[in-house]
Structure formats: C-alpha cells, structure tokens
Amino acid sequence: MIAKITRGSRAGDIAAYLHGPGKTALHTYRDRDGAEQVGGIVIGGTLAMRGDTTGRWAAELREAAASRPEISTPIWQVSLRCAPGDRALTDAEWRDAATAFMTRMGLEDRPWVVVRHADDHVHLVRLKGHRHRAGLARAPGLPPGPNRVCRA
C-alpha cells in the first residue's frame, strides 16, 4: 500500500473533489454488485456517514475547524493506493485497511472519513491540530510517518 498526504484549508474543497466526477470521469469504480459508480462514496470512518455521496461530512469538519482558527490548513488528507499489479480491494477490505492505518497513526478516535472514488485507491480525511495519543515516536502532536505505517 502506498500513502500520500496533502493538506488543505477548506473541507468543502476536498469534499467536492472526492465526490465529483474528476477530470474526464477518472473517479469511477465498480461497487460490490459490479455496477460502475462515478464520484466518491463514504465507506467508513468515525463520522457515521457511510453511504454518503454528497460530502455532508465536510460540514462537520468545517464546524470543528472553526474552533481552531490559528491553524491555516486544518484539513489532513491521505490517499491510500494499492501497489501496481495488486488486485482491486472491496469496500470492506478498504474500510479495514483505512481503520488499521488510522489506528497505527494513533488517530482512530479522531473524526475522519474514508471515501472511495476509484478501484485502486481511497482517501482518508481528518482535521489537524488535535492532540494525538501519547507515546508516539515523533515530535509532540505529529503522527508517525504514513509510509512507515503502510509497511507495518
């Protein structure tokens, strides 16, 4: 599994990207019934938004981000991608991989969503700036590196 982190300032921007069709319908995948889906769908996380295809979860992150105005880029987003040549994962397998990733990062109890919008990858979105679990091997407030977590 390969991880790539990006940061942003507005939850609505990442929600529009994740739930939109992408450039020339790049955001497509086959659901468990084999039907092609366009745009993203929430398949897990702690915000209880499974099945959301509209990005309603962004409002919750936006509200929470407003409580920390000193953080200029409160959105933390990581894409998890299968390695080239790997088979496509099911929604349940992606949900399990995302939960394991967030647990290993020490972020499992934070508000986050996992959005699937392609056969080979998902996106996990959460807010930065919240206290992290003690005892991590990095500077205070920082999670362990995502690619180290993917190799674990």
Foldseek 3Di string as FASTA:
>chain_A
DDKDKDWAQALVVVLCCQLALHPPNQQWAAAPVRDIDGHKAWLDFDPPRGGDSRSPVRVVQVVVVVVPVVDRTFKMKMKDFDDPPDFFDHSVVQRVVVLQLCVQQQNRPFGWTWMGRYRTIIMIMGTADDFGDPDAPDDGRGTPDSVVSVVD
